C-alpha atoms as a PDB file:
ATOM      1  CA  MET A   1       0.000   0.000   0.000  1.00  0.00           C
ATOM      2  CA  SER A   2       1.465   3.350  -1.029  1.00  0.00           C
ATOM      3  CA  TYR A   3       0.666   6.535   0.816  1.00  0.00           C
ATOM      4  CA  GLN A   4       1.061   9.941  -0.876  1.00  0.00           C
ATOM      5  CA  ILE A   5       2.370  12.660   1.399  1.00  0.00           C
ATOM      6  CA  ASP A   6       0.505  15.440  -0.428  1.00  0.00           C
ATOM      7  CA  ALA A   7      -2.747  13.891   0.773  1.00  0.00           C
ATOM      8  CA  PHE A   8      -2.075  15.881   3.971  1.00  0.00           C
ATOM      9  CA  ALA A   9      -2.347  19.687   3.771  1.00  0.00           C
ATOM     10  CA  PRO A  10       1.084  20.502   2.311  1.00  0.00           C
ATOM     11  CA  ASN A  11       0.655  24.211   2.998  1.00  0.00           C
ATOM     12  CA  ASP A  12       0.722  23.804   6.770  1.00  0.00           C
ATOM     13  CA  ALA A  13       3.245  26.237   8.243  1.00  0.00           C
ATOM     14  CA  ASP A  14       5.048  23.588  10.263  1.00  0.00           C
ATOM     15  CA  LYS A  15       5.880  20.910   7.716  1.00  0.00           C
ATOM     16  CA  THR A  16       7.673  18.512  10.039  1.00  0.00           C
ATOM     17  CA  ILE A  17       8.146  14.765   9.653  1.00  0.00           C
ATOM     18  CA  ALA A  18       8.945  12.876  12.855  1.00  0.00           C
ATOM     19  CA  VAL A  19      10.950   9.696  12.323  1.00  0.00           C
ATOM     20  CA  TRP A  20      10.880   7.486  15.422  1.00  0.00           C
ATOM     21  CA  PHE A  21      14.246   5.787  15.803  1.00  0.00           C
ATOM     22  CA  SER A  22      14.344   2.696  18.039  1.00  0.00           C
ATOM     23  CA  CYS A  23      18.054   1.794  17.746  1.00  0.00           C
ATOM     24  CA  GLY A  24      17.180  -0.879  15.198  1.00  0.00           C
ATOM     25  CA  ALA A  25      18.399  -1.307  11.638  1.00  0.00           C
ATOM     26  CA  ALA A  26      14.957  -0.775  10.079  1.00  0.00           C
ATOM     27  CA  SER A  27      14.274   2.539  11.788  1.00  0.00           C
ATOM     28  CA  ALA A  28      17.804   3.685  10.900  1.00  0.00           C
ATOM     29  CA  VAL A  29      17.253   3.002   7.206  1.00  0.00           C
ATOM     30  CA  ALA A  30      13.770   4.535   7.441  1.00  0.00           C
ATOM     31  CA  ALA A  31      15.377   7.731   8.735  1.00  0.00           C
ATOM     32  CA  LEU A  32      17.861   7.769   5.864  1.00  0.00           C
ATOM     33  CA  LYS A  33      15.201   7.163   3.220  1.00  0.00           C
ATOM     34  CA  THR A  34      12.983   9.869   4.716  1.00  0.00           C
ATOM     35  CA  LEU A  35      15.817  12.373   4.584  1.00  0.00           C
ATOM     36  CA  GLU A  36      16.589  11.420   0.989  1.00  0.00           C
ATOM     37  CA  LYS A  37      12.994  11.719  -0.136  1.00  0.00           C
ATOM     38  CA  TYR A  38      11.582  14.612   1.875  1.00  0.00           C
ATOM     39  CA  SER A  39      14.308  16.830   3.351  1.00  0.00           C
ATOM     40  CA  GLY A  40      14.017  19.309   0.495  1.00  0.00           C
ATOM     41  CA  GLN A  41      10.371  20.034   1.285  1.00  0.00           C
ATOM     42  CA  TYR A  42       9.958  19.115   4.940  1.00  0.00           C
ATOM     43  CA  THR A  43      11.812  19.462   8.202  1.00  0.00           C
ATOM     44  CA  VAL A  44      12.825  15.916   9.109  1.00  0.00           C
ATOM     45  CA  ARG A  45      13.475  15.231  12.787  1.00  0.00           C
ATOM     46  CA  ILE A  46      14.747  11.916  14.126  1.00  0.00           C
ATOM     47  CA  ILE A  47      13.596  11.105  17.659  1.00  0.00           C
ATOM     48  CA  ASN A  48      14.473   8.316  20.066  1.00  0.00           C
ATOM     49  CA  ASN A  49      12.743   7.279  23.282  1.00  0.00           C
ATOM     50  CA  PRO A  50      15.602   6.226  25.604  1.00  0.00           C
ATOM     51  CA  VAL A  51      15.060   3.349  28.034  1.00  0.00           C
ATOM     52  CA  VAL A  52      17.825   2.540  30.512  1.00  0.00           C
ATOM     53  CA  GLU A  53      17.070  -1.188  30.404  1.00  0.00           C
ATOM     54  CA  GLU A  54      18.293  -1.371  26.817  1.00  0.00           C
ATOM     55  CA  ASP A  55      21.842  -2.575  26.231  1.00  0.00           C
ATOM     56  CA  GLU A  56      24.368   0.259  26.458  1.00  0.00           C
ATOM     57  CA  ASP A  57      25.688  -0.604  22.990  1.00  0.00           C
ATOM     58  CA  ASN A  58      22.450   0.829  21.572  1.00  0.00           C
ATOM     59  CA  LEU A  59      23.918   4.260  22.377  1.00  0.00           C
ATOM     60  CA  ARG A  60      26.984   3.460  20.281  1.00  0.00           C
ATOM     61  CA  PHE A  61      24.720   2.398  17.404  1.00  0.00           C
ATOM     62  CA  LYS A  62      22.701   5.586  17.780  1.00  0.00           C
ATOM     63  CA  HIS A  63      25.892   7.652  17.542  1.00  0.00           C
ATOM     64  CA  ASP A  64      27.033   5.732  14.456  1.00  0.00           C
ATOM     65  CA  ILE A  65      23.674   6.375  12.779  1.00  0.00           C
ATOM     66  CA  GLU A  66      23.926  10.074  13.620  1.00  0.00           C
ATOM     67  CA  GLN A  67      27.262  10.137  11.806  1.00  0.00           C
ATOM     68  CA  LEU A  68      25.745   8.336   8.822  1.00  0.00           C
ATOM     69  CA  LEU A  69      22.736  10.641   8.603  1.00  0.00           C
ATOM     70  CA  GLY A  70      24.587  13.830   9.397  1.00  0.00           C
ATOM     71  CA  ILE A  71      21.813  14.833  11.796  1.00  0.00           C
ATOM     72  CA  LYS A  72      21.433  14.851  15.562  1.00  0.00           C
ATOM     73  CA  ILE A  73      18.984  12.263  16.904  1.00  0.00           C
ATOM     74  CA  GLU A  74      16.775  13.900  19.499  1.00  0.00           C
ATOM     75  CA  THR A  75      15.407  12.296  22.649  1.00  0.00           C
ATOM     76  CA  ALA A  76      11.828  12.377  23.886  1.00  0.00           C
ATOM     77  CA  PHE A  77      10.967  11.153  27.345  1.00  0.00           C
ATOM     78  CA  ASN A  78       8.028  11.201  29.710  1.00  0.00           C
ATOM     79  CA  LYS A  79       8.588  14.026  32.197  1.00  0.00           C
ATOM     80  CA  ASN A  80       6.957  11.865  34.878  1.00  0.00           C
ATOM     81  CA  TYR A  81       9.696   9.248  34.431  1.00  0.00           C
ATOM     82  CA  PRO A  82      12.909  11.276  33.971  1.00  0.00           C
ATOM     83  CA  LYS A  83      15.088   8.200  34.620  1.00  0.00           C
ATOM     84  CA  CYS A  84      13.473   6.506  31.582  1.00  0.00           C
ATOM     85  CA  SER A  85      13.362   3.223  33.487  1.00  0.00           C
ATOM     86  CA  ALA A  86      10.945   0.380  32.804  1.00  0.00           C
ATOM     87  CA  VAL A  87      11.697  -0.997  36.272  1.00  0.00           C
ATOM     88  CA  ASP A  88      10.484   2.293  37.778  1.00  0.00           C
ATOM     89  CA  VAL A  89       7.307   2.142  35.702  1.00  0.00           C
ATOM     90  CA  TRP A  90       6.564  -1.420  36.817  1.00  0.00           C
ATOM     91  CA  GLU A  91       7.149  -0.560  40.456  1.00  0.00           C
ATOM     92  CA  ARG A  92       5.034   2.592  40.422  1.00  0.00           C
ATOM     93  CA  SER A  93       2.180   0.998  38.472  1.00  0.00           C
ATOM     94  CA  GLN A  94       2.436  -2.357  40.292  1.00  0.00           C
ATOM     95  CA  PHE A  95       1.953  -3.964  36.897  1.00  0.00           C
ATOM     96  CA  MET A  96       4.306  -5.455  34.308  1.00  0.00           C
ATOM     97  CA  SER A  97       2.414  -6.855  31.325  1.00  0.00           C
ATOM     98  CA  ALA A  98      -0.905  -8.028  29.922  1.00  0.00           C
ATOM     99  CA  PRO A  99      -2.198  -9.350  26.574  1.00  0.00           C
ATOM    100  CA  HIS A 100      -2.968  -5.807  25.417  1.00  0.00           C
ATOM    101  CA  GLY A 101       0.476  -4.419  26.247  1.00  0.00           C
ATOM    102  CA  ALA A 102       2.772  -3.246  29.022  1.00  0.00           C
ATOM    103  CA  PRO A 103       2.926  -0.078  31.149  1.00  0.00           C
ATOM    104  CA  CYS A 104       6.541   0.566  30.159  1.00  0.00           C
ATOM    105  CA  THR A 105       5.407   0.957  26.538  1.00  0.00           C
ATOM    106  CA  THR A 106       2.549   3.225  27.588  1.00  0.00           C
ATOM    107  CA  GLN A 107       4.688   5.511  29.737  1.00  0.00           C
ATOM    108  CA  LEU A 108       8.136   5.471  28.136  1.00  0.00           C
ATOM    109  CA  LYS A 109       7.041   5.283  24.494  1.00  0.00           C
ATOM    110  CA  LYS A 110       3.446   6.382  23.897  1.00  0.00           C
ATOM    111  CA  GLU A 111       3.196   9.056  26.585  1.00  0.00           C
ATOM    112  CA  ALA A 112       6.699  10.313  25.794  1.00  0.00           C
ATOM    113  CA  ARG A 113       5.639  10.607  22.161  1.00  0.00           C
ATOM    114  CA  ARG A 114       2.404  12.398  23.097  1.00  0.00           C
ATOM    115  CA  GLN A 115       4.263  14.963  25.206  1.00  0.00           C
ATOM    116  CA  TRP A 116       6.748  15.570  22.382  1.00  0.00           C
ATOM    117  CA  GLU A 117       3.932  15.962  19.864  1.00  0.00           C
ATOM    118  CA  GLN A 118       2.129  18.513  22.030  1.00  0.00           C
ATOM    119  CA  VAL A 119       5.153  20.777  21.859  1.00  0.00           C
ATOM    120  CA  ASN A 120       6.354  20.082  18.309  1.00  0.00           C
ATOM    121  CA  ASN A 121       3.158  19.300  16.360  1.00  0.00           C
ATOM    122  CA  PRO A 122       4.633  17.175  13.546  1.00  0.00           C
ATOM    123  CA  MET A 123       2.600  16.826  10.371  1.00  0.00           C
ATOM    124  CA  HIS A 124       3.684  13.255   9.572  1.00  0.00           C
ATOM    125  CA  HIS A 125       5.290  10.239  11.229  1.00  0.00           C
ATOM    126  CA  VAL A 126       7.639   7.544   9.981  1.00  0.00           C
ATOM    127  CA  LEU A 127       8.133   4.135  11.623  1.00  0.00           C
ATOM    128  CA  GLY A 128      10.420   1.302  10.626  1.00  0.00           C
ATOM    129  CA  PHE A 129       7.786  -0.967   9.096  1.00  0.00           C
ATOM    130  CA  THR A 130       9.509  -2.988   6.371  1.00  0.00           C
ATOM    131  CA  ALA A 131       8.135  -4.553   3.188  1.00  0.00           C
ATOM    132  CA  ASP A 132       7.754  -7.886   4.998  1.00  0.00           C
ATOM    133  CA  GLU A 133       5.647  -6.138   7.671  1.00  0.00           C
ATOM    134  CA  ALA A 134       3.037  -4.593   5.387  1.00  0.00           C
ATOM    135  CA  ASP A 135       0.276  -6.263   7.406  1.00  0.00           C
ATOM    136  CA  ARG A 136       1.498  -4.628  10.622  1.00  0.00           C
ATOM    137  CA  HIS A 137       1.593  -1.287   8.860  1.00  0.00           C
ATOM    138  CA  GLU A 138      -1.987  -1.710   7.675  1.00  0.00           C
ATOM    139  CA  ASP A 139      -3.123  -2.751  11.157  1.00  0.00           C
ATOM    140  CA  PHE A 140      -1.488   0.348  12.600  1.00  0.00           C
ATOM    141  CA  VAL A 141      -3.042   2.692  10.036  1.00  0.00           C
ATOM    142  CA  ALA A 142      -6.464   1.148  10.627  1.00  0.00           C
ATOM    143  CA  SER A 143      -6.251   1.529  14.404  1.00  0.00           C
ATOM    144  CA  GLU A 144      -4.163   4.664  14.859  1.00  0.00           C
ATOM    145  CA  ARG A 145      -3.126   7.020  12.036  1.00  0.00           C
ATOM    146  CA  GLU A 146      -1.611   7.403   8.611  1.00  0.00           C
ATOM    147  CA  ILE A 147       2.169   7.099   8.493  1.00  0.00           C
ATOM    148  CA  LEU A 148       4.670   7.385   5.674  1.00  0.00           C
ATOM    149  CA  PRO A 149       5.649   3.814   4.685  1.00  0.00           C
ATOM    150  CA  VAL A 150       9.045   4.746   3.296  1.00  0.00           C
ATOM    151  CA  LEU A 151      10.533   1.254   3.623  1.00  0.00           C
ATOM    152  CA  ILE A 152       7.450  -0.467   2.232  1.00  0.00           C
ATOM    153  CA  ASP A 153       7.328   1.887  -0.743  1.00  0.00           C
ATOM    154  CA  ALA A 154      11.025   1.199  -1.340  1.00  0.00           C
ATOM    155  CA  GLY A 155      10.440  -2.576  -1.122  1.00  0.00           C
ATOM    156  CA  LEU A 156      13.018  -2.951   1.665  1.00  0.00           C
ATOM    157  CA  THR A 157      12.811  -5.935   4.026  1.00  0.00           C
ATOM    158  CA  LYS A 158      14.377  -6.359   7.469  1.00  0.00           C
ATOM    159  CA  THR A 159      17.181  -8.341   5.860  1.00  0.00           C
ATOM    160  CA  ASP A 160      17.756  -5.560   3.345  1.00  0.00           C
ATOM    161  CA  CYS A 161      18.078  -3.069   6.205  1.00  0.00           C
ATOM    162  CA  PHE A 162      20.643  -5.206   8.035  1.00  0.00           C
ATOM    163  CA  LYS A 163      22.627  -5.607   4.821  1.00  0.00           C
ATOM    164  CA  PHE A 164      22.539  -1.875   4.164  1.00  0.00           C
ATOM    165  CA  ILE A 165      23.805  -1.027   7.652  1.00  0.00           C
ATOM    166  CA  ALA A 166      26.599  -3.606   7.313  1.00  0.00           C
ATOM    167  CA  ALA A 167      27.580  -2.118   3.946  1.00  0.00           C
ATOM    168  CA  GLN A 168      28.145   1.223   5.704  1.00  0.00           C
ATOM    169  CA  ASP A 169      30.660  -0.487   8.029  1.00  0.00           C
ATOM    170  CA  ILE A 170      28.332   0.096  10.966  1.00  0.00           C
ATOM    171  CA  LYS A 171      28.207  -2.719  13.463  1.00  0.00           C
ATOM    172  CA  ARG A 172      24.671  -3.703  14.392  1.00  0.00           C
ATOM    173  CA  PRO A 173      23.611  -3.435  18.069  1.00  0.00           C
ATOM    174  CA  ARG A 174      25.361  -5.978  20.277  1.00  0.00           C
ATOM    175  CA  MET A 175      22.055  -7.543  21.360  1.00  0.00           C
ATOM    176  CA  TYR A 176      21.778  -9.336  18.014  1.00  0.00           C
ATOM    177  CA  ASP A 177      25.249 -10.835  18.412  1.00  0.00           C
ATOM    178  CA  LEU A 178      24.276 -12.015  21.894  1.00  0.00           C
ATOM    179  CA  GLY A 179      21.535 -14.125  20.333  1.00  0.00           C
ATOM    180  CA  TYR A 180      18.537 -11.860  20.925  1.00  0.00           C
ATOM    181  CA  PRO A 181      16.001 -11.378  18.099  1.00  0.00           C
ATOM    182  CA  ASN A 182      15.911  -7.591  18.497  1.00  0.00           C
ATOM    183  CA  ALA A 183      17.553  -4.701  20.334  1.00  0.00           C
ATOM    184  CA  ASN A 184      14.742  -4.174  22.828  1.00  0.00           C
ATOM    185  CA  CYS A 185      15.213  -3.960  26.585  1.00  0.00           C
ATOM    186  CA  ILE A 186      16.969  -6.897  28.177  1.00  0.00           C
ATOM    187  CA  GLY A 187      14.325  -8.962  29.943  1.00  0.00           C
ATOM    188  CA  CYS A 188      11.334  -7.513  28.087  1.00  0.00           C
ATOM    189  CA  SER A 189       8.139  -7.890  30.093  1.00  0.00           C
ATOM    190  CA  LYS A 190       6.061  -8.433  26.939  1.00  0.00           C
ATOM    191  CA  ALA A 191       7.920 -11.653  26.102  1.00  0.00           C
ATOM    192  CA  THR A 192       6.289 -14.935  27.134  1.00  0.00           C
ATOM    193  CA  SER A 193       8.628 -17.433  25.476  1.00  0.00           C
ATOM    194  CA  PRO A 194      10.504 -19.913  27.710  1.00  0.00           C
ATOM    195  CA  THR A 195      13.178 -19.935  25.014  1.00  0.00           C
ATOM    196  CA  TYR A 196      13.609 -16.187  25.388  1.00  0.00           C
ATOM    197  CA  TRP A 197      13.589 -16.146  29.171  1.00  0.00           C
ATOM    198  CA  ASN A 198      16.040 -19.009  29.488  1.00  0.00           C
ATOM    199  CA  HIS A 199      18.262 -17.142  27.046  1.00  0.00           C
ATOM    200  CA  VAL A 200      18.112 -14.113  29.344  1.00  0.00           C
ATOM    201  CA  ARG A 201      18.922 -16.423  32.267  1.00  0.00           C
ATOM    202  CA  LYS A 202      22.017 -17.685  30.422  1.00  0.00           C
ATOM    203  CA  VAL A 203      23.332 -14.445  28.926  1.00  0.00           C
ATOM    204  CA  HIS A 204      22.181 -11.932  31.548  1.00  0.00           C
ATOM    205  CA  PRO A 205      21.678 -13.932  34.774  1.00  0.00           C
ATOM    206  CA  ILE A 206      21.557 -10.881  37.043  1.00  0.00           C
ATOM    207  CA  ILE A 207      18.800  -9.274  34.971  1.00  0.00           C
ATOM    208  CA  PHE A 208      16.888 -12.564  34.902  1.00  0.00           C
ATOM    209  CA  ARG A 209      17.047 -12.709  38.691  1.00  0.00           C
ATOM    210  CA  GLU A 210      15.893  -9.093  38.982  1.00  0.00           C
ATOM    211  CA  ARG A 211      12.940  -9.722  36.661  1.00  0.00           C
ATOM    212  CA  ALA A 212      12.057 -12.911  38.522  1.00  0.00           C
ATOM    213  CA  GLU A 213      12.088 -11.128  41.884  1.00  0.00           C
ATOM    214  CA  GLN A 214      10.095  -8.106  40.719  1.00  0.00           C
ATOM    215  CA  SER A 215       7.540 -10.129  38.775  1.00  0.00           C
ATOM    216  CA  ARG A 216       7.010 -12.427  41.769  1.00  0.00           C
ATOM    217  CA  ALA A 217       6.548  -9.425  44.068  1.00  0.00           C
ATOM    218  CA  LEU A 218       3.998  -7.915  41.671  1.00  0.00           C
ATOM    219  CA  GLY A 219       2.243 -11.207  40.924  1.00  0.00           C
ATOM    220  CA  ALA A 220       3.170 -11.072  37.232  1.00  0.00           C
ATOM    221  CA  LYS A 221       3.420 -14.462  35.511  1.00  0.00           C
ATOM    222  CA  LEU A 222       5.526 -13.495  32.533  1.00  0.00           C
ATOM    223  CA  VAL A 223       6.285 -16.834  30.885  1.00  0.00           C
ATOM    224  CA  ARG A 224       3.965 -19.327  29.197  1.00  0.00           C
ATOM    225  CA  VAL A 225       4.691 -23.064  29.226  1.00  0.00           C
ATOM    226  CA  ASN A 226       2.203 -25.524  27.722  1.00  0.00           C
ATOM    227  CA  ASP A 227      -0.416 -22.764  27.493  1.00  0.00           C
ATOM    228  CA  GLU A 228      -0.087 -21.992  31.210  1.00  0.00           C
ATOM    229  CA  ARG A 229       1.332 -18.806  32.639  1.00  0.00           C
ATOM    230  CA  ILE A 230       3.962 -19.299  35.340  1.00  0.00           C
ATOM    231  CA  PHE A 231       6.375 -17.140  37.321  1.00  0.00           C
ATOM    232  CA  LEU A 232       9.934 -16.794  36.065  1.00  0.00           C
ATOM    233  CA  ASP A 233      11.283 -18.433  39.209  1.00  0.00           C
ATOM    234  CA  GLU A 234       9.179 -21.492  38.332  1.00  0.00           C
ATOM    235  CA  LEU A 235      10.703 -21.845  34.871  1.00  0.00           C
ATOM    236  CA  ASP A 236      12.850 -24.956  34.396  1.00  0.00           C
ATOM    237  CA  PRO A 237      16.243 -23.863  32.966  1.00  0.00           C
ATOM    238  CA  ASN A 238      15.989 -26.692  30.423  1.00  0.00           C
ATOM    239  CA  THR A 239      12.546 -25.764  29.082  1.00  0.00           C
ATOM    240  CA  GLN A 240      12.542 -24.532  25.506  1.00  0.00           C
ATOM    241  CA  GLY A 241       9.813 -23.378  23.151  1.00  0.00           C
ATOM    242  CA  ARG A 242      10.232 -22.682  19.479  1.00  0.00           C
ATOM    243  CA  PRO A 243      13.471 -20.983  18.362  1.00  0.00           C
ATOM    244  CA  MET A 244      13.734 -17.230  18.737  1.00  0.00           C
ATOM    245  CA  LYS A 245      13.454 -16.200  15.110  1.00  0.00           C
ATOM    246  CA  ASN A 246      11.669 -12.920  15.692  1.00  0.00           C
ATOM    247  CA  MET A 247       9.641 -11.688  18.637  1.00  0.00           C
ATOM    248  CA  ASP A 248       7.309  -9.999  16.117  1.00  0.00           C
ATOM    249  CA  PHE A 249       7.593  -6.605  17.727  1.00  0.00           C
ATOM    250  CA  GLU A 250      10.112  -3.841  17.856  1.00  0.00           C
ATOM    251  CA  CYS A 251       9.649  -1.732  20.919  1.00  0.00           C
ATOM    252  CA  GLY A 252       9.326   1.598  19.220  1.00  0.00           C
ATOM    253  CA  VAL A 253       7.105   4.513  20.043  1.00  0.00           C
ATOM    254  CA  PHE A 254       3.924   2.822  18.794  1.00  0.00           C
ATOM    255  CA  CYS A 255       4.775  -0.685  19.993  1.00  0.00           C
ATOM    256  CA  GLY A 256       1.648  -1.159  22.083  1.00  0.00           C
ATOM    257  CA  GLU A 257      -0.643   0.025  19.294  1.00  0.00           C
ATOM    258  CA  THR A 258       0.217  -2.620  16.697  1.00  0.00           C
ATOM    259  CA  LYS A 259      -0.760  -6.259  16.744  1.00  0.00           C
ATOM    260  CA  THR A 260       1.816  -8.331  18.564  1.00  0.00           C
ATOM    261  CA  LYS A 261       2.111 -12.031  19.066  1.00  0.00           C
ATOM    262  CA  ASP A 262       3.363 -13.900  22.078  1.00  0.00           C
ATOM    263  CA  THR A 263       6.775 -15.327  21.431  1.00  0.00           C
ATOM    264  CA  PRO A 264       6.407 -19.129  21.373  1.00  0.00           C
END
């Protein structure tokens, strides 16, 4: 599905496109393609929602992408959570996750975006939906708003984006090399896969223990085994589900507003 930008009042005084950068390859290439296509007519701003639970190497990747784009990536955060911590959100809300989403997404992504929009009033948005995620893009447009599908229009897949970043001699975020399917927070509360959680236990044992302790204290059964939700401290270290190919979500600014699937 192609979306024409001039369908939106092109004479608006503030012709700003907000590209939401999530420290992933797709959103990085989406930012580049947006600059290439629209920077002559529109003010293109690249914005990131920082979360301290993400791997610190995401900051290195963000810096590398800034150098590639030749533009400063801005930050947008919820003024009620200045530490940008998912752990703080879970503790204050006494809630970690549910089928419809997680409070960390609501507060650190969606509310941070809303506060930024109130001040900056962008005309258009760009997300890193790739050509192999056209269905997610359509779901988002149907439930939320029109966005510029720059990667879909260019026919670029997730694999294409990884290859492009590699061709620029930019090392992808370390999380991928550690065996994770994305560069989201370590110990993501939206994940339900025993494969994922036992991977966290192996690679980041301290974080696994912290998530197990907090989820037990809050009564949050984060993992699903044989269609039954259990606490992390009940998970057998040898239990595995299907391989972690893709968790089917990238925790960007609109993460909780697109259809997501539990990781098997």
